[in-house]
Amino acid sequence: MKFSIITPTYNRGHTIKRAIDSMRNQTYDNWEMIIIDDGSTDNTEEIVKNIQQKDDRIKYIKAKQNGGVGKARNLGFQNISQNTDWIGFLDSDDILVENALKMMIKKIKEYPNIKHFAFSTRYENAKSGCKIPHDNYIGDYESVLGKNSEVEGEFNTLLHKSIIDDGFHFEESVNGYEWIAWLRLAKSGVKILYTTTTTRIYITDGESLIRTSNKSKKFYENSKKGLEIILNEFGNDLKEANRNKYAKYLSWYGRSLIGIGNIKRGLYFTLKSFLINPFELRNIKNILLIGQK
């Protein structure tokens, strides 16, 4: 059984070795790590290529230009070995626990009909990164939408290669917002097995490919685009499954509109969010943002 682990990276020379080491320290050795460099300008390439000389399981592909995390992951799909069975993901500032792959194999053998696993995550301070009703919970589209808030947080996803072969991909028109891809996959009928088995640790001293402390107009434009896709494709289903979560996304959308200067329309969606959930505190932040414009 072979695993392909896809790692997008952008200017993470200070964290990429740690992520690679967590793969090389695995207690199971039939894997490849596909590192997609999304146009880094630091020493990422030098670090990865030095490790490549010692371990040919590391693949390094450098994109011609920065295209976003979704595009990078899709490029990773295109470089998976033909004899791969399962595809996982690891951000370049996080790590896998050393027996992650063996624990994945155990679950795969226990549930041979499942093609989408969601393993639990935790932070370096041991705090859990997710919540599920119980171990080995079989989820569906409503679970991903957040019905009854039964499933929440960040998971370490593992996909059978047949899902990729059937056309699964991340949305490339927006940076981040991988939830769009998970919603589309679940809506197509693919079940998810959520497990309390923890395989990934989030390290908070790095930054993701889309986090930024400077909320620029470009940041808000990207947010607007991603939220529009979610609300247009899944808004009605989200409203039915979890009204408070729907209100949260309306508030975020209102904030993105305010951020690009469309105050009137931003206020409209902020009010719409408030009417659904008066306790959605993000709406206060939206009003405060107006004062900064």
C-alpha atoms as a PDB file:
ATOM      1  CA  MET A   1       0.000   0.000   0.000  1.00  0.00           C
ATOM      2  CA  LYS A   2       1.555   3.270  -1.131  1.00  0.00           C
ATOM      3  CA  PHE A   3       0.832   6.809   0.096  1.00  0.00           C
ATOM      4  CA  SER A   4       1.380  10.080  -1.727  1.00  0.00           C
ATOM      5  CA  ILE A   5       1.542  13.073   0.627  1.00  0.00           C
ATOM      6  CA  ILE A   6       1.116  16.444  -1.066  1.00  0.00           C
ATOM      7  CA  THR A   7       2.767  19.477   0.516  1.00  0.00           C
ATOM      8  CA  PRO A   8       2.251  22.927  -1.016  1.00  0.00           C
ATOM      9  CA  THR A   9       4.766  25.498   0.179  1.00  0.00           C
ATOM     10  CA  TYR A  10       5.565  29.145  -0.328  1.00  0.00           C
ATOM     11  CA  ASN A  11       8.572  30.791   1.314  1.00  0.00           C
ATOM     12  CA  ARG A  12       8.673  28.244   4.140  1.00  0.00           C
ATOM     13  CA  GLY A  13      12.400  27.587   4.166  1.00  0.00           C
ATOM     14  CA  HIS A  14      12.290  27.946   7.944  1.00  0.00           C
ATOM     15  CA  THR A  15       9.707  25.152   8.404  1.00  0.00           C
ATOM     16  CA  ILE A  16       9.878  22.823   5.382  1.00  0.00           C
ATOM     17  CA  LYS A  17      12.661  20.614   6.782  1.00  0.00           C
ATOM     18  CA  ARG A  18      10.594  19.915   9.897  1.00  0.00           C
ATOM     19  CA  ALA A  19       7.656  18.780   7.747  1.00  0.00           C
ATOM     20  CA  ILE A  20       9.916  16.581   5.593  1.00  0.00           C
ATOM     21  CA  ASP A  21      11.584  15.082   8.668  1.00  0.00           C
ATOM     22  CA  SER A  22       8.161  14.078  10.002  1.00  0.00           C
ATOM     23  CA  MET A  23       7.666  12.063   6.802  1.00  0.00           C
ATOM     24  CA  ARG A  24      11.123  10.532   6.861  1.00  0.00           C
ATOM     25  CA  ASN A  25      10.589   9.515  10.495  1.00  0.00           C
ATOM     26  CA  GLN A  26       7.473   7.502   9.647  1.00  0.00           C
ATOM     27  CA  THR A  27       7.462   3.898  10.865  1.00  0.00           C
ATOM     28  CA  TYR A  28       6.058   2.859   7.458  1.00  0.00           C
ATOM     29  CA  ASP A  29       8.244   3.514   4.444  1.00  0.00           C
ATOM     30  CA  ASN A  30       6.159   2.976   1.282  1.00  0.00           C
ATOM     31  CA  TRP A  31       5.381   6.618   0.548  1.00  0.00           C
ATOM     32  CA  GLU A  32       6.301   9.599  -1.558  1.00  0.00           C
ATOM     33  CA  MET A  33       6.165  13.249  -0.531  1.00  0.00           C
ATOM     34  CA  ILE A  34       5.282  15.618  -3.365  1.00  0.00           C
ATOM     35  CA  ILE A  35       6.394  19.144  -2.516  1.00  0.00           C
ATOM     36  CA  ILE A  36       4.842  21.814  -4.710  1.00  0.00           C
ATOM     37  CA  ASP A  37       6.805  25.039  -4.407  1.00  0.00           C
ATOM     38  CA  ASP A  38       4.332  27.784  -5.265  1.00  0.00           C
ATOM     39  CA  GLY A  39       6.967  30.248  -6.485  1.00  0.00           C
ATOM     40  CA  SER A  40       9.106  30.646  -3.354  1.00  0.00           C
ATOM     41  CA  THR A  41      11.798  33.319  -3.374  1.00  0.00           C
ATOM     42  CA  ASP A  42      13.611  32.147  -0.220  1.00  0.00           C
ATOM     43  CA  ASN A  43      15.877  29.116   0.298  1.00  0.00           C
ATOM     44  CA  THR A  44      13.076  26.511   0.160  1.00  0.00           C
ATOM     45  CA  GLU A  45      14.374  24.963  -3.073  1.00  0.00           C
ATOM     46  CA  GLU A  46      17.918  24.594  -1.757  1.00  0.00           C
ATOM     47  CA  ILE A  47      16.742  22.899   1.441  1.00  0.00           C
ATOM     48  CA  VAL A  48      14.442  20.447  -0.329  1.00  0.00           C
ATOM     49  CA  LYS A  49      16.978  19.509  -3.006  1.00  0.00           C
ATOM     50  CA  ASN A  50      19.636  18.821  -0.374  1.00  0.00           C
ATOM     51  CA  ILE A  51      17.270  16.364   1.321  1.00  0.00           C
ATOM     52  CA  GLN A  52      16.313  14.866  -2.058  1.00  0.00           C
ATOM     53  CA  GLN A  53      19.913  13.741  -2.522  1.00  0.00           C
ATOM     54  CA  LYS A  54      19.514  11.563   0.580  1.00  0.00           C
ATOM     55  CA  ASP A  55      15.948  10.360  -0.002  1.00  0.00           C
ATOM     56  CA  ASP A  56      14.468   9.811  -3.469  1.00  0.00           C
ATOM     57  CA  ARG A  57      10.966   9.483  -2.016  1.00  0.00           C
ATOM     58  CA  ILE A  58      10.887  13.287  -1.962  1.00  0.00           C
ATOM     59  CA  LYS A  59       9.585  14.867  -5.161  1.00  0.00           C
ATOM     60  CA  TYR A  60      10.060  18.585  -5.769  1.00  0.00           C
ATOM     61  CA  ILE A  61       8.079  20.552  -8.347  1.00  0.00           C
ATOM     62  CA  LYS A  62       8.390  24.313  -8.615  1.00  0.00           C
ATOM     63  CA  ALA A  63       5.466  26.211 -10.112  1.00  0.00           C
ATOM     64  CA  LYS A  64       6.300  28.875 -12.677  1.00  0.00           C
ATOM     65  CA  GLN A  65       4.461  31.474 -10.631  1.00  0.00           C
ATOM     66  CA  ASN A  66       2.509  31.787  -7.405  1.00  0.00           C
ATOM     67  CA  GLY A  67      -0.971  30.418  -8.101  1.00  0.00           C
ATOM     68  CA  GLY A  68      -2.415  29.690  -4.663  1.00  0.00           C
ATOM     69  CA  VAL A  69      -2.714  26.625  -2.486  1.00  0.00           C
ATOM     70  CA  GLY A  70      -5.570  25.012  -4.462  1.00  0.00           C
ATOM     71  CA  LYS A  71      -3.667  25.155  -7.714  1.00  0.00           C
ATOM     72  CA  ALA A  72      -0.556  23.813  -5.972  1.00  0.00           C
ATOM     73  CA  ARG A  73      -2.427  20.807  -4.596  1.00  0.00           C
ATOM     74  CA  ASN A  74      -3.946  20.096  -7.999  1.00  0.00           C
ATOM     75  CA  LEU A  75      -0.456  20.183  -9.490  1.00  0.00           C
ATOM     76  CA  GLY A  76       0.470  17.646  -6.837  1.00  0.00           C
ATOM     77  CA  PHE A  77      -2.327  15.361  -8.067  1.00  0.00           C
ATOM     78  CA  GLN A  78      -0.800  15.488 -11.552  1.00  0.00           C
ATOM     79  CA  ASN A  79       2.524  14.203 -10.206  1.00  0.00           C
ATOM     80  CA  ILE A  80       1.276  11.253  -8.152  1.00  0.00           C
ATOM     81  CA  SER A  81       2.922   7.923  -8.985  1.00  0.00           C
ATOM     82  CA  GLN A  82       0.718   5.489 -10.869  1.00  0.00           C
ATOM     83  CA  ASN A  83       1.136   2.819  -8.201  1.00  0.00           C
ATOM     84  CA  THR A  84      -0.129   5.104  -5.422  1.00  0.00           C
ATOM     85  CA  ASP A  85      -3.157   3.906  -3.453  1.00  0.00           C
ATOM     86  CA  TRP A  86      -3.906   6.779  -1.063  1.00  0.00           C
ATOM     87  CA  ILE A  87      -3.371  10.547  -1.136  1.00  0.00           C
ATOM     88  CA  GLY A  88      -2.867  12.698   1.943  1.00  0.00           C
ATOM     89  CA  PHE A  89      -1.935  16.287   2.665  1.00  0.00           C
ATOM     90  CA  LEU A  90       0.584  18.018   4.901  1.00  0.00           C
ATOM     91  CA  ASP A  91       1.142  21.765   5.097  1.00  0.00           C
ATOM     92  CA  SER A  92       4.775  22.804   5.101  1.00  0.00           C
ATOM     93  CA  ASP A  93       4.571  24.282   8.603  1.00  0.00           C
ATOM     94  CA  ASP A  94       2.949  21.211  10.233  1.00  0.00           C
ATOM     95  CA  ILE A  95       4.086  17.666  11.006  1.00  0.00           C
ATOM     96  CA  LEU A  96       2.716  14.129  10.999  1.00  0.00           C
ATOM     97  CA  VAL A  97       3.050  11.990  14.125  1.00  0.00           C
ATOM     98  CA  GLU A  98       5.685   9.325  13.539  1.00  0.00           C
ATOM     99  CA  ASN A  99       3.288   6.402  13.207  1.00  0.00           C
ATOM    100  CA  ALA A 100       0.644   8.324  11.221  1.00  0.00           C
ATOM    101  CA  LEU A 101       0.802   6.108   8.138  1.00  0.00           C
ATOM    102  CA  LYS A 102       0.587   2.886  10.139  1.00  0.00           C
ATOM    103  CA  MET A 103      -2.476   4.206  11.966  1.00  0.00           C
ATOM    104  CA  MET A 104      -4.004   5.133   8.609  1.00  0.00           C
ATOM    105  CA  ILE A 105      -3.396   1.612   7.315  1.00  0.00           C
ATOM    106  CA  LYS A 106      -5.136   0.185  10.377  1.00  0.00           C
ATOM    107  CA  LYS A 107      -8.274   2.249   9.677  1.00  0.00           C
ATOM    108  CA  ILE A 108      -8.193   1.452   5.971  1.00  0.00           C
ATOM    109  CA  LYS A 109      -8.164  -2.267   6.741  1.00  0.00           C
ATOM    110  CA  GLU A 110     -10.960  -1.885   9.305  1.00  0.00           C
ATOM    111  CA  TYR A 111     -13.166  -0.002   6.807  1.00  0.00           C
ATOM    112  CA  PRO A 112     -12.328  -1.310   3.313  1.00  0.00           C
ATOM    113  CA  ASN A 113     -15.346   0.365   1.695  1.00  0.00           C
ATOM    114  CA  ILE A 114     -14.445   3.885   2.832  1.00  0.00           C
ATOM    115  CA  LYS A 115     -12.609   6.106   0.345  1.00  0.00           C
ATOM    116  CA  HIS A 116     -12.483   9.340   2.370  1.00  0.00           C
ATOM    117  CA  PHE A 117     -11.005   9.367   5.882  1.00  0.00           C
ATOM    118  CA  ALA A 118     -10.842  12.387   8.194  1.00  0.00           C
ATOM    119  CA  PHE A 119      -8.241  11.848  10.908  1.00  0.00           C
ATOM    120  CA  SER A 120      -8.128  14.048  13.976  1.00  0.00           C
ATOM    121  CA  THR A 121      -5.558  16.779  14.528  1.00  0.00           C
ATOM    122  CA  ARG A 122      -4.100  18.515  17.536  1.00  0.00           C
ATOM    123  CA  TYR A 123      -1.981  21.535  18.304  1.00  0.00           C
ATOM    124  CA  GLU A 124       1.517  21.346  19.716  1.00  0.00           C
ATOM    125  CA  ASN A 125       0.095  22.219  23.163  1.00  0.00           C
ATOM    126  CA  ALA A 126      -1.964  18.975  22.933  1.00  0.00           C
ATOM    127  CA  LYS A 127      -5.260  20.853  22.425  1.00  0.00           C
ATOM    128  CA  SER A 128      -7.527  19.048  19.967  1.00  0.00           C
ATOM    129  CA  GLY A 129      -8.034  20.692  16.587  1.00  0.00           C
ATOM    130  CA  CYS A 130     -11.449  19.153  15.901  1.00  0.00           C
ATOM    131  CA  LYS A 131     -14.659  17.685  17.323  1.00  0.00           C
ATOM    132  CA  ILE A 132     -16.692  14.632  16.296  1.00  0.00           C
ATOM    133  CA  PRO A 133     -19.589  12.799  18.011  1.00  0.00           C
ATOM    134  CA  HIS A 134     -17.592   9.589  18.486  1.00  0.00           C
ATOM    135  CA  ASP A 135     -14.788   7.544  16.970  1.00  0.00           C
ATOM    136  CA  ASN A 136     -15.427   6.035  13.524  1.00  0.00           C
ATOM    137  CA  TYR A 137     -18.338   8.390  12.856  1.00  0.00           C
ATOM    138  CA  ILE A 138     -19.631   7.987   9.300  1.00  0.00           C
ATOM    139  CA  GLY A 139     -20.403  11.425   7.912  1.00  0.00           C
ATOM    140  CA  ASP A 140     -22.066  12.715   4.782  1.00  0.00           C
ATOM    141  CA  TYR A 141     -22.919  15.993   3.058  1.00  0.00           C
ATOM    142  CA  GLU A 142     -24.928  17.232   6.040  1.00  0.00           C
ATOM    143  CA  SER A 143     -21.977  16.491   8.335  1.00  0.00           C
ATOM    144  CA  VAL A 144     -19.674  18.635   6.202  1.00  0.00           C
ATOM    145  CA  LEU A 145     -22.280  21.404   6.203  1.00  0.00           C
ATOM    146  CA  GLY A 146     -22.190  21.282   9.994  1.00  0.00           C
ATOM    147  CA  LYS A 147     -25.647  19.965  10.841  1.00  0.00           C
ATOM    148  CA  ASN A 148     -26.199  20.129  14.613  1.00  0.00           C
ATOM    149  CA  SER A 149     -22.543  21.219  14.921  1.00  0.00           C
ATOM    150  CA  GLU A 150     -21.599  17.540  15.277  1.00  0.00           C
ATOM    151  CA  VAL A 151     -18.425  17.836  13.194  1.00  0.00           C
ATOM    152  CA  GLU A 152     -16.184  20.876  13.622  1.00  0.00           C
ATOM    153  CA  GLY A 153     -12.549  21.876  13.237  1.00  0.00           C
ATOM    154  CA  GLU A 154      -9.605  20.830  11.121  1.00  0.00           C
ATOM    155  CA  PHE A 155      -9.013  17.257   9.978  1.00  0.00           C
ATOM    156  CA  ASN A 156      -6.183  15.415   8.268  1.00  0.00           C
ATOM    157  CA  THR A 157      -7.764  14.118   5.081  1.00  0.00           C
ATOM    158  CA  LEU A 158      -6.897  10.873   3.314  1.00  0.00           C
ATOM    159  CA  LEU A 159      -8.408  10.084  -0.105  1.00  0.00           C
ATOM    160  CA  HIS A 160      -8.385   6.918  -2.159  1.00  0.00           C
ATOM    161  CA  LYS A 161      -6.716   7.458  -5.523  1.00  0.00           C
ATOM    162  CA  SER A 162      -9.965   6.551  -7.326  1.00  0.00           C
ATOM    163  CA  ILE A 163     -11.460   9.822  -6.052  1.00  0.00           C
ATOM    164  CA  ILE A 164      -8.696  11.765  -7.787  1.00  0.00           C
ATOM    165  CA  ASP A 165      -9.091   9.639 -10.911  1.00  0.00           C
ATOM    166  CA  ASP A 166     -12.799  10.514 -10.912  1.00  0.00           C
ATOM    167  CA  GLY A 167     -11.937  14.210 -11.195  1.00  0.00           C
ATOM    168  CA  PHE A 168     -11.741  15.536  -7.652  1.00  0.00           C
ATOM    169  CA  HIS A 169      -9.827  18.817  -7.496  1.00  0.00           C
ATOM    170  CA  PHE A 170      -9.525  21.987  -5.458  1.00  0.00           C
ATOM    171  CA  GLU A 171     -11.075  25.253  -6.589  1.00  0.00           C
ATOM    172  CA  GLU A 172      -8.384  27.288  -8.362  1.00  0.00           C
ATOM    173  CA  SER A 173     -10.246  30.568  -8.835  1.00  0.00           C
ATOM    174  CA  VAL A 174      -9.757  31.421  -5.156  1.00  0.00           C
ATOM    175  CA  ASN A 175      -6.798  31.005  -2.801  1.00  0.00           C
ATOM    176  CA  GLY A 176      -7.623  28.671   0.068  1.00  0.00           C
ATOM    177  CA  TYR A 177     -11.254  27.816   0.852  1.00  0.00           C
ATOM    178  CA  GLU A 178     -10.682  24.072   0.500  1.00  0.00           C
ATOM    179  CA  TRP A 179     -14.058  23.626   2.192  1.00  0.00           C
ATOM    180  CA  ILE A 180     -15.539  24.186  -1.278  1.00  0.00           C
ATOM    181  CA  ALA A 181     -13.873  20.991  -2.519  1.00  0.00           C
ATOM    182  CA  TRP A 182     -14.939  18.976   0.544  1.00  0.00           C
ATOM    183  CA  LEU A 183     -18.541  20.147   0.161  1.00  0.00           C
ATOM    184  CA  ARG A 184     -18.595  19.226  -3.521  1.00  0.00           C
ATOM    185  CA  LEU A 185     -17.120  15.803  -2.801  1.00  0.00           C
ATOM    186  CA  ALA A 186     -19.600  15.060  -0.017  1.00  0.00           C
ATOM    187  CA  LYS A 187     -22.517  16.349  -2.103  1.00  0.00           C
ATOM    188  CA  SER A 188     -21.533  13.841  -4.795  1.00  0.00           C
ATOM    189  CA  GLY A 189     -22.324  11.075  -2.316  1.00  0.00           C
ATOM    190  CA  VAL A 190     -18.881  10.125  -0.979  1.00  0.00           C
ATOM    191  CA  LYS A 191     -19.102   9.162   2.705  1.00  0.00           C
ATOM    192  CA  ILE A 192     -16.463  10.259   5.224  1.00  0.00           C
ATOM    193  CA  LEU A 193     -15.149   8.287   8.171  1.00  0.00           C
ATOM    194  CA  TYR A 194     -14.232  10.661  11.022  1.00  0.00           C
ATOM    195  CA  THR A 195     -11.904   9.182  13.604  1.00  0.00           C
ATOM    196  CA  THR A 196     -10.391  10.303  16.897  1.00  0.00           C
ATOM    197  CA  THR A 197      -7.084   8.822  15.739  1.00  0.00           C
ATOM    198  CA  THR A 198      -4.704  11.787  15.599  1.00  0.00           C
ATOM    199  CA  THR A 199      -2.183  11.857  12.770  1.00  0.00           C
ATOM    200  CA  ARG A 200      -1.262  15.524  12.315  1.00  0.00           C
ATOM    201  CA  ILE A 201       0.069  18.256  14.594  1.00  0.00           C
ATOM    202  CA  TYR A 202      -0.465  21.936  13.865  1.00  0.00           C
ATOM    203  CA  ILE A 203       2.565  24.086  14.631  1.00  0.00           C
ATOM    204  CA  THR A 204       1.601  27.691  15.269  1.00  0.00           C
ATOM    205  CA  ASP A 205       4.955  29.372  14.720  1.00  0.00           C
ATOM    206  CA  GLY A 206       4.456  29.277  10.947  1.00  0.00           C
ATOM    207  CA  GLU A 207       1.793  30.796   8.749  1.00  0.00           C
ATOM    208  CA  SER A 208      -0.488  29.109   6.238  1.00  0.00           C
ATOM    209  CA  LEU A 209      -0.408  30.008   2.575  1.00  0.00           C
ATOM    210  CA  ILE A 210      -3.393  32.331   2.976  1.00  0.00           C
ATOM    211  CA  ARG A 211      -3.051  33.830   6.452  1.00  0.00           C
ATOM    212  CA  THR A 212      -2.087  37.457   6.606  1.00  0.00           C
ATOM    213  CA  SER A 213      -2.058  40.129   9.287  1.00  0.00           C
ATOM    214  CA  ASN A 214      -2.444  42.844   6.681  1.00  0.00           C
ATOM    215  CA  LYS A 215      -5.998  42.658   5.440  1.00  0.00           C
ATOM    216  CA  SER A 216      -5.419  44.260   2.056  1.00  0.00           C
ATOM    217  CA  LYS A 217      -7.990  44.829  -0.651  1.00  0.00           C
ATOM    218  CA  LYS A 218      -6.598  41.758  -2.406  1.00  0.00           C
ATOM    219  CA  PHE A 219      -7.270  39.707   0.735  1.00  0.00           C
ATOM    220  CA  TYR A 220     -10.902  40.857   0.852  1.00  0.00           C
ATOM    221  CA  GLU A 221     -11.386  40.317  -2.882  1.00  0.00           C
ATOM    222  CA  ASN A 222     -10.208  36.722  -2.487  1.00  0.00           C
ATOM    223  CA  SER A 223     -12.523  36.265   0.516  1.00  0.00           C
ATOM    224  CA  LYS A 224     -15.450  37.683  -1.430  1.00  0.00           C
ATOM    225  CA  LYS A 225     -14.860  35.266  -4.296  1.00  0.00           C
ATOM    226  CA  GLY A 226     -14.569  32.217  -2.054  1.00  0.00           C
ATOM    227  CA  LEU A 227     -17.615  33.112   0.024  1.00  0.00           C
ATOM    228  CA  GLU A 228     -19.690  33.764  -3.091  1.00  0.00           C
ATOM    229  CA  ILE A 229     -18.955  30.246  -4.314  1.00  0.00           C
ATOM    230  CA  ILE A 230     -19.971  28.783  -0.949  1.00  0.00           C
ATOM    231  CA  LEU A 231     -23.155  30.841  -0.621  1.00  0.00           C
ATOM    232  CA  ASN A 232     -24.219  30.362  -4.252  1.00  0.00           C
ATOM    233  CA  GLU A 233     -23.585  26.605  -4.391  1.00  0.00           C
ATOM    234  CA  PHE A 234     -24.396  25.578  -0.839  1.00  0.00           C
ATOM    235  CA  GLY A 235     -26.137  28.535   0.845  1.00  0.00           C
ATOM    236  CA  ASN A 236     -29.643  27.054   0.936  1.00  0.00           C
ATOM    237  CA  ASP A 237     -28.373  23.705   2.208  1.00  0.00           C
ATOM    238  CA  LEU A 238     -26.169  25.426   4.789  1.00  0.00           C
ATOM    239  CA  LYS A 239     -29.086  27.535   6.034  1.00  0.00           C
ATOM    240  CA  GLU A 240     -31.183  24.397   6.512  1.00  0.00           C
ATOM    241  CA  ALA A 241     -28.402  22.395   8.174  1.00  0.00           C
ATOM    242  CA  ASN A 242     -26.991  25.027  10.520  1.00  0.00           C
ATOM    243  CA  ARG A 243     -28.532  28.510  10.674  1.00  0.00           C
ATOM    244  CA  ASN A 244     -25.858  29.914  12.979  1.00  0.00           C
ATOM    245  CA  LYS A 245     -23.102  28.749  10.652  1.00  0.00           C
ATOM    246  CA  TYR A 246     -25.008  30.250   7.731  1.00  0.00           C
ATOM    247  CA  ALA A 247     -25.185  33.547   9.652  1.00  0.00           C
ATOM    248  CA  LYS A 248     -21.425  33.373  10.206  1.00  0.00           C
ATOM    249  CA  TYR A 249     -20.768  33.037   6.480  1.00  0.00           C
ATOM    250  CA  LEU A 250     -23.154  35.887   5.692  1.00  0.00           C
ATOM    251  CA  SER A 251     -21.241  38.028   8.182  1.00  0.00           C
ATOM    252  CA  TRP A 252     -17.903  37.078   6.625  1.00  0.00           C
ATOM    253  CA  TYR A 253     -19.295  37.907   3.195  1.00  0.00           C
ATOM    254  CA  GLY A 254     -20.508  41.271   4.464  1.00  0.00           C
ATOM    255  CA  ARG A 255     -17.045  41.944   5.858  1.00  0.00           C
ATOM    256  CA  SER A 256     -15.389  41.108   2.538  1.00  0.00           C
ATOM    257  CA  LEU A 257     -17.676  43.591   0.776  1.00  0.00           C
ATOM    258  CA  ILE A 258     -16.920  46.291   3.327  1.00  0.00           C
ATOM    259  CA  GLY A 259     -13.223  45.519   2.955  1.00  0.00           C
ATOM    260  CA  ILE A 260     -13.285  46.278  -0.775  1.00  0.00           C
ATOM    261  CA  GLY A 261     -15.294  49.452  -0.209  1.00  0.00           C
ATOM    262  CA  ASN A 262     -18.834  48.260  -0.994  1.00  0.00           C
ATOM    263  CA  ILE A 263     -20.199  49.536   2.313  1.00  0.00           C
ATOM    264  CA  LYS A 264     -23.903  49.539   1.434  1.00  0.00           C
ATOM    265  CA  ARG A 265     -23.986  45.944   0.234  1.00  0.00           C
ATOM    266  CA  GLY A 266     -21.707  44.867   3.074  1.00  0.00           C
ATOM    267  CA  LEU A 267     -24.154  46.334   5.578  1.00  0.00           C
ATOM    268  CA  TYR A 268     -27.003  44.500   3.862  1.00  0.00           C
ATOM    269  CA  PHE A 269     -25.391  41.093   4.446  1.00  0.00           C
ATOM    270  CA  THR A 270     -24.303  42.082   7.955  1.00  0.00           C
ATOM    271  CA  LEU A 271     -27.929  42.915   8.791  1.00  0.00           C
ATOM    272  CA  LYS A 272     -29.080  39.690   7.151  1.00  0.00           C
ATOM    273  CA  SER A 273     -26.662  37.780   9.372  1.00  0.00           C
ATOM    274  CA  PHE A 274     -27.867  39.657  12.466  1.00  0.00           C
ATOM    275  CA  LEU A 275     -31.510  38.853  11.765  1.00  0.00           C
ATOM    276  CA  ILE A 276     -30.678  35.131  11.608  1.00  0.00           C
ATOM    277  CA  ASN A 277     -28.406  35.168  14.650  1.00  0.00           C
ATOM    278  CA  PRO A 278     -28.349  38.368  16.769  1.00  0.00           C
ATOM    279  CA  PHE A 279     -25.483  36.894  18.793  1.00  0.00           C
ATOM    280  CA  GLU A 280     -23.089  36.627  15.832  1.00  0.00           C
ATOM    281  CA  LEU A 281     -20.285  38.839  17.177  1.00  0.00           C
ATOM    282  CA  ARG A 282     -18.528  39.062  13.831  1.00  0.00           C
ATOM    283  CA  ASN A 283     -21.182  41.586  12.828  1.00  0.00           C
ATOM    284  CA  ILE A 284     -19.778  44.011  15.403  1.00  0.00           C
ATOM    285  CA  LYS A 285     -16.373  43.687  13.744  1.00  0.00           C
ATOM    286  CA  ASN A 286     -18.020  44.550  10.430  1.00  0.00           C
ATOM    287  CA  ILE A 287     -19.393  47.787  11.879  1.00  0.00           C
ATOM    288  CA  LEU A 288     -15.992  48.637  13.346  1.00  0.00           C
ATOM    289  CA  LEU A 289     -14.371  48.000   9.971  1.00  0.00           C
ATOM    290  CA  ILE A 290     -16.651  50.613   8.399  1.00  0.00           C
ATOM    291  CA  GLY A 291     -15.212  53.169  10.807  1.00  0.00           C
ATOM    292  CA  GLN A 292     -11.748  52.442   9.453  1.00  0.00           C
ATOM    293  CA  LYS A 293     -12.785  53.153   5.871  1.00  0.00           C
END
